[in-house]
Every structure is written in structure tokens, then in C-alpha cells.
N, C-alpha and C. Protein backbone atom coordinates (compact mmCIF):
# COMPACT_ATOMS: atom_id res chain seq x y z
N MET A 1 -9.49 -10.68 14.30
CA MET A 1 -9.02 -10.99 12.96
C MET A 1 -7.61 -11.53 13.07
N ASN A 2 -7.39 -12.72 12.56
CA ASN A 2 -6.06 -13.30 12.63
C ASN A 2 -5.26 -13.01 11.37
N ARG A 3 -4.01 -13.44 11.37
CA ARG A 3 -3.11 -13.13 10.25
C ARG A 3 -3.63 -13.69 8.92
N THR A 4 -4.23 -14.87 8.94
CA THR A 4 -4.76 -15.48 7.72
C THR A 4 -5.87 -14.62 7.13
N ASP A 5 -6.75 -14.09 7.99
CA ASP A 5 -7.82 -13.22 7.52
C ASP A 5 -7.25 -11.97 6.86
N ILE A 6 -6.23 -11.40 7.48
CA ILE A 6 -5.60 -10.20 6.93
C ILE A 6 -4.95 -10.51 5.59
N GLU A 7 -4.26 -11.64 5.50
CA GLU A 7 -3.62 -12.02 4.24
C GLU A 7 -4.65 -12.21 3.14
N GLN A 8 -5.77 -12.84 3.45
CA GLN A 8 -6.82 -13.03 2.45
C GLN A 8 -7.40 -11.70 2.01
N LEU A 9 -7.60 -10.81 2.96
CA LEU A 9 -8.11 -9.49 2.65
C LEU A 9 -7.14 -8.74 1.74
N LEU A 10 -5.86 -8.79 2.08
CA LEU A 10 -4.86 -8.12 1.26
C LEU A 10 -4.81 -8.72 -0.14
N GLU A 11 -4.85 -10.03 -0.24
CA GLU A 11 -4.82 -10.68 -1.55
C GLU A 11 -5.99 -10.22 -2.41
N GLU A 12 -7.17 -10.21 -1.83
CA GLU A 12 -8.35 -9.80 -2.59
C GLU A 12 -8.24 -8.33 -3.00
N LYS A 13 -7.83 -7.48 -2.09
CA LYS A 13 -7.73 -6.06 -2.38
C LYS A 13 -6.67 -5.79 -3.44
N ILE A 14 -5.58 -6.52 -3.40
CA ILE A 14 -4.53 -6.31 -4.39
C ILE A 14 -5.03 -6.69 -5.78
N ARG A 15 -5.86 -7.70 -5.88
CA ARG A 15 -6.40 -8.10 -7.17
C ARG A 15 -7.34 -7.07 -7.76
N VAL A 16 -7.99 -6.26 -6.91
CA VAL A 16 -8.97 -5.29 -7.40
C VAL A 16 -8.59 -3.87 -6.99
N ILE A 17 -7.34 -3.53 -7.14
CA ILE A 17 -6.85 -2.24 -6.67
C ILE A 17 -7.45 -1.05 -7.42
N GLU A 18 -8.05 -1.29 -8.57
CA GLU A 18 -8.61 -0.20 -9.35
C GLU A 18 -9.88 0.39 -8.73
N ASP A 19 -10.55 -0.32 -7.85
CA ASP A 19 -11.76 0.25 -7.29
C ASP A 19 -11.45 1.16 -6.10
N VAL A 20 -12.33 2.08 -5.85
CA VAL A 20 -12.12 3.10 -4.82
C VAL A 20 -11.97 2.51 -3.41
N PRO A 21 -12.80 1.52 -3.00
CA PRO A 21 -12.62 0.97 -1.65
C PRO A 21 -11.22 0.39 -1.41
N SER A 22 -10.66 -0.27 -2.41
CA SER A 22 -9.32 -0.81 -2.20
C SER A 22 -8.29 0.30 -2.13
N GLN A 23 -8.47 1.36 -2.89
CA GLN A 23 -7.56 2.49 -2.81
C GLN A 23 -7.63 3.14 -1.43
N GLN A 24 -8.82 3.24 -0.89
CA GLN A 24 -8.99 3.78 0.47
C GLN A 24 -8.32 2.88 1.49
N PHE A 25 -8.48 1.58 1.32
CA PHE A 25 -7.86 0.61 2.22
C PHE A 25 -6.34 0.77 2.23
N PHE A 26 -5.74 0.87 1.05
CA PHE A 26 -4.29 0.99 0.98
C PHE A 26 -3.81 2.36 1.45
N CYS A 27 -4.58 3.40 1.20
CA CYS A 27 -4.23 4.71 1.74
C CYS A 27 -4.18 4.66 3.26
N ARG A 28 -5.15 3.99 3.82
CA ARG A 28 -5.21 3.86 5.28
C ARG A 28 -3.99 3.10 5.80
N LEU A 29 -3.61 2.02 5.11
CA LEU A 29 -2.41 1.28 5.49
C LEU A 29 -1.17 2.16 5.42
N LEU A 30 -1.04 2.89 4.32
CA LEU A 30 0.15 3.72 4.13
C LEU A 30 0.24 4.87 5.13
N THR A 31 -0.89 5.39 5.54
CA THR A 31 -0.87 6.50 6.49
C THR A 31 -0.76 6.06 7.94
N SER A 32 -1.14 4.80 8.23
CA SER A 32 -1.14 4.39 9.63
C SER A 32 -0.03 3.43 10.02
N CYS A 33 0.63 2.81 9.05
CA CYS A 33 1.70 1.85 9.36
C CYS A 33 3.06 2.44 9.01
N ASP A 34 4.05 2.07 9.79
CA ASP A 34 5.40 2.47 9.41
C ASP A 34 5.90 1.52 8.31
N TRP A 35 7.01 1.88 7.69
CA TRP A 35 7.54 1.15 6.55
C TRP A 35 7.81 -0.32 6.87
N TYR A 36 8.38 -0.58 8.02
CA TYR A 36 8.74 -1.96 8.38
C TYR A 36 7.51 -2.82 8.63
N THR A 37 6.47 -2.24 9.16
CA THR A 37 5.22 -2.97 9.33
C THR A 37 4.62 -3.30 7.97
N LEU A 38 4.67 -2.35 7.05
CA LEU A 38 4.18 -2.60 5.69
C LEU A 38 4.94 -3.75 5.05
N LEU A 39 6.25 -3.77 5.22
CA LEU A 39 7.06 -4.83 4.64
C LEU A 39 6.71 -6.20 5.22
N LYS A 40 6.32 -6.22 6.49
CA LYS A 40 5.92 -7.48 7.12
C LYS A 40 4.55 -7.93 6.61
N LEU A 41 3.66 -6.99 6.37
CA LEU A 41 2.30 -7.31 5.95
C LEU A 41 2.19 -7.66 4.47
N ILE A 42 2.99 -6.97 3.65
CA ILE A 42 2.82 -7.06 2.20
C ILE A 42 4.15 -7.41 1.55
N PRO A 43 4.19 -8.46 0.75
CA PRO A 43 5.44 -8.79 0.04
C PRO A 43 5.87 -7.65 -0.88
N SER A 44 7.18 -7.48 -1.05
CA SER A 44 7.69 -6.33 -1.80
C SER A 44 7.17 -6.30 -3.24
N GLY A 45 6.97 -7.45 -3.87
CA GLY A 45 6.43 -7.46 -5.22
C GLY A 45 5.04 -6.86 -5.30
N LYS A 46 4.24 -7.12 -4.29
CA LYS A 46 2.89 -6.57 -4.26
C LYS A 46 2.87 -5.15 -3.71
N LEU A 47 3.87 -4.81 -2.96
CA LEU A 47 3.96 -3.45 -2.43
C LEU A 47 4.09 -2.45 -3.57
N LYS A 48 4.75 -2.83 -4.64
CA LYS A 48 4.87 -1.95 -5.81
C LYS A 48 3.50 -1.63 -6.38
N VAL A 49 2.60 -2.60 -6.37
CA VAL A 49 1.24 -2.39 -6.87
C VAL A 49 0.50 -1.40 -5.98
N ILE A 50 0.67 -1.56 -4.69
CA ILE A 50 0.00 -0.67 -3.73
C ILE A 50 0.50 0.76 -3.85
N LEU A 51 1.75 0.92 -4.24
CA LEU A 51 2.34 2.25 -4.37
C LEU A 51 2.06 2.85 -5.73
N SER A 52 0.89 2.56 -6.29
CA SER A 52 0.51 3.12 -7.58
C SER A 52 0.14 4.59 -7.42
N ASP A 53 0.12 5.29 -8.55
CA ASP A 53 -0.23 6.71 -8.51
C ASP A 53 -1.64 6.93 -8.00
N LYS A 54 -2.57 6.03 -8.35
CA LYS A 54 -3.96 6.18 -7.89
C LYS A 54 -4.06 6.16 -6.37
N VAL A 55 -3.25 5.35 -5.74
CA VAL A 55 -3.26 5.28 -4.28
C VAL A 55 -2.48 6.44 -3.70
N LEU A 56 -1.29 6.70 -4.22
CA LEU A 56 -0.44 7.75 -3.66
C LEU A 56 -1.05 9.14 -3.81
N ASP A 57 -1.81 9.36 -4.85
CA ASP A 57 -2.43 10.68 -5.04
C ASP A 57 -3.46 11.00 -3.96
N ARG A 58 -3.91 10.00 -3.25
CA ARG A 58 -4.90 10.19 -2.18
C ARG A 58 -4.27 10.47 -0.82
N LEU A 59 -2.96 10.37 -0.73
CA LEU A 59 -2.29 10.52 0.57
C LEU A 59 -2.22 11.97 1.00
N TYR A 60 -2.33 12.17 2.29
CA TYR A 60 -2.17 13.48 2.90
C TYR A 60 -1.40 13.28 4.20
N PRO A 61 -0.43 14.04 4.52
CA PRO A 61 0.13 15.20 3.82
C PRO A 61 0.95 14.80 2.61
N LYS A 62 1.20 15.78 1.75
CA LYS A 62 1.87 15.52 0.48
C LYS A 62 3.31 15.03 0.66
N ASP A 63 3.96 15.38 1.75
CA ASP A 63 5.33 14.87 1.95
C ASP A 63 5.32 13.36 2.22
N LEU A 64 4.20 12.83 2.69
CA LEU A 64 4.06 11.39 2.84
C LEU A 64 4.04 10.73 1.46
N LYS A 65 3.35 11.37 0.52
CA LYS A 65 3.33 10.88 -0.85
C LYS A 65 4.75 10.87 -1.42
N THR A 66 5.49 11.92 -1.18
CA THR A 66 6.87 12.02 -1.67
C THR A 66 7.72 10.88 -1.12
N LYS A 67 7.53 10.57 0.13
CA LYS A 67 8.26 9.47 0.78
C LYS A 67 7.98 8.14 0.09
N TYR A 68 6.71 7.88 -0.22
CA TYR A 68 6.36 6.61 -0.85
C TYR A 68 6.71 6.56 -2.33
N VAL A 69 6.73 7.70 -3.01
CA VAL A 69 7.21 7.74 -4.39
C VAL A 69 8.69 7.35 -4.41
N TYR A 70 9.43 7.88 -3.46
CA TYR A 70 10.85 7.53 -3.34
C TYR A 70 11.02 6.04 -3.07
N ALA A 71 10.21 5.50 -2.17
CA ALA A 71 10.27 4.07 -1.84
C ALA A 71 9.93 3.22 -3.07
N ARG A 72 8.92 3.63 -3.82
CA ARG A 72 8.55 2.91 -5.03
C ARG A 72 9.69 2.90 -6.03
N ASN A 73 10.36 4.04 -6.17
CA ASN A 73 11.50 4.12 -7.09
C ASN A 73 12.63 3.19 -6.66
N LEU A 74 12.86 3.10 -5.35
CA LEU A 74 13.89 2.18 -4.85
C LEU A 74 13.51 0.73 -5.09
N LEU A 75 12.24 0.40 -4.92
CA LEU A 75 11.78 -0.97 -5.16
C LEU A 75 11.88 -1.36 -6.64
N SER A 76 11.79 -0.38 -7.51
CA SER A 76 11.84 -0.64 -8.95
C SER A 76 13.24 -0.91 -9.46
N ARG A 77 14.23 -0.62 -8.68
CA ARG A 77 15.61 -0.82 -9.12
C ARG A 77 16.00 -2.26 -9.15
């Protein structure tokens, strides 16, 4: 899978974030990638969408959720 495929996948998933498969996809990204990798993969404007409550509520451990809630608050400033 090349970068273009990943970008297309991310674009499609961001458009339909309300469905469960996309929430699972973003949970997986948030739990497996460090912050700087996420910033490289996803533009900050779209990162705010990914950091929605529906996605963050699925994260485990809960301190990971706290970390991303903090990041979302910083992005909103």
C-alpha cells in the first residue's frame, strides 16, 4: 500500500466517521501511532474530526484518551 492509497483511505474514512468501522480504524491509528506520525498522516484540521468523543471513548487505556482530549483542546485554540 503506497502513500496515495493511505491518503485515499483516510479521506474516505474521515467523510464517514460516524460509522463503526471508521471509528475502529481511527482508534487503531490513535493506539498504534505516536503523535508525530499522526501529524504526518493526517492534516491538523482533519485530526480534530478524528479526535471526536465517539472515537476517543473507544480508546484503552483511559489515560490514552486523556492525552488525546488534551491534544484536541490544544488544536482547538
